Amino acid sequence: MGTLDGRVALVTGASRGIGAAMALRFAREGARVAAMARTLEPDPRYPGSLRETVEAIQAAGHEAVAVRGDLSSAEDRRRIVAETVEAFGPVDILVNNAAVTFLAPVEEFTEKRFRLMIEVQVWAPFELTQLVLPGMRERGAGWVLNISSRAAQHPQGPPFEPVHERGFAAYGLCKAALERFTTAVAAEGYRYGIRANALAPLDNVATPGAGAHDLVADFPIEDPSVIAEAALALVEGDITGRIAYSQSLLDELGRKPVVIDH
């Protein structure tokens, strides 16, 4: 018996990295996982794919389905939830992990990139949550987990650390908005048995995305299994309204990560 037996989990951005690790960890605990990403097949630029995530879950004897979609598309957002419900039933656990990220100083940031980041990292989680909340409220239980970042924190200074010169303004803005949205969902959903939390890695995770933005070299690195275990802790029970950091949360709960071989 797993701690998520009988639950349906929709995990966005599940091709690789944090999203794949969470999908695999949830499946191991008995969740039926709808793994979502923009494409099914491998991207030649990065290791891992949505197909590989789903195949790894199924090879371990668990249930998973691949759901392709573009989170910048309103039509796709609705279809993603509909396909999950069709495959497994109503969503019990929604993990908003997918992101599109550009880094540039404020004066150089383009409107097109800003709008795309807001659409994918703020509005998409908001709308996906809107789509699953009625079912959660009807069943008297549900879990929303939004994956954030330490970039949501305000730079401390002056003087400011050089890392803040790398152009985190738009990214930090998106994550700060996501965190405030999280606590609102926690407050509004509490009486209905709906729990909502935000979770960020304490250190950088060596994902292909982080590598593309030069956020691996010279930074402390955290294994994806750490945030996957922290994520599991936040969708198992009654914790809600938290803006949590992976390693700190596991220390608080006395838990150790479970490393899953893909």
Foldseek 3Di string as FASTA:
>chain_A
DALQAPAEEEFEPCFDFLRLLLQLLNQVRHYAYAYEYADADDDVLFDGGQVVSQVVSVVVPGHYDYQHADQLDPVRLVVSQVVSCVVRRAHQEYELEDFDDDFDAPVPDDPVVLVSRCSRLPVSLVVNCVVRVVVCLVVLAHEYEYEAEPLLDDADDVVGDPVVNRGCVSRNVSRVNVLVVQLVCCVVCVVSHYAGEYEYEPWDAPHSVCVVSVRPPPTDYDHSQQRSVVVCVRSSDDDHNYHYYRVVSCVVVVHDGDDDDD
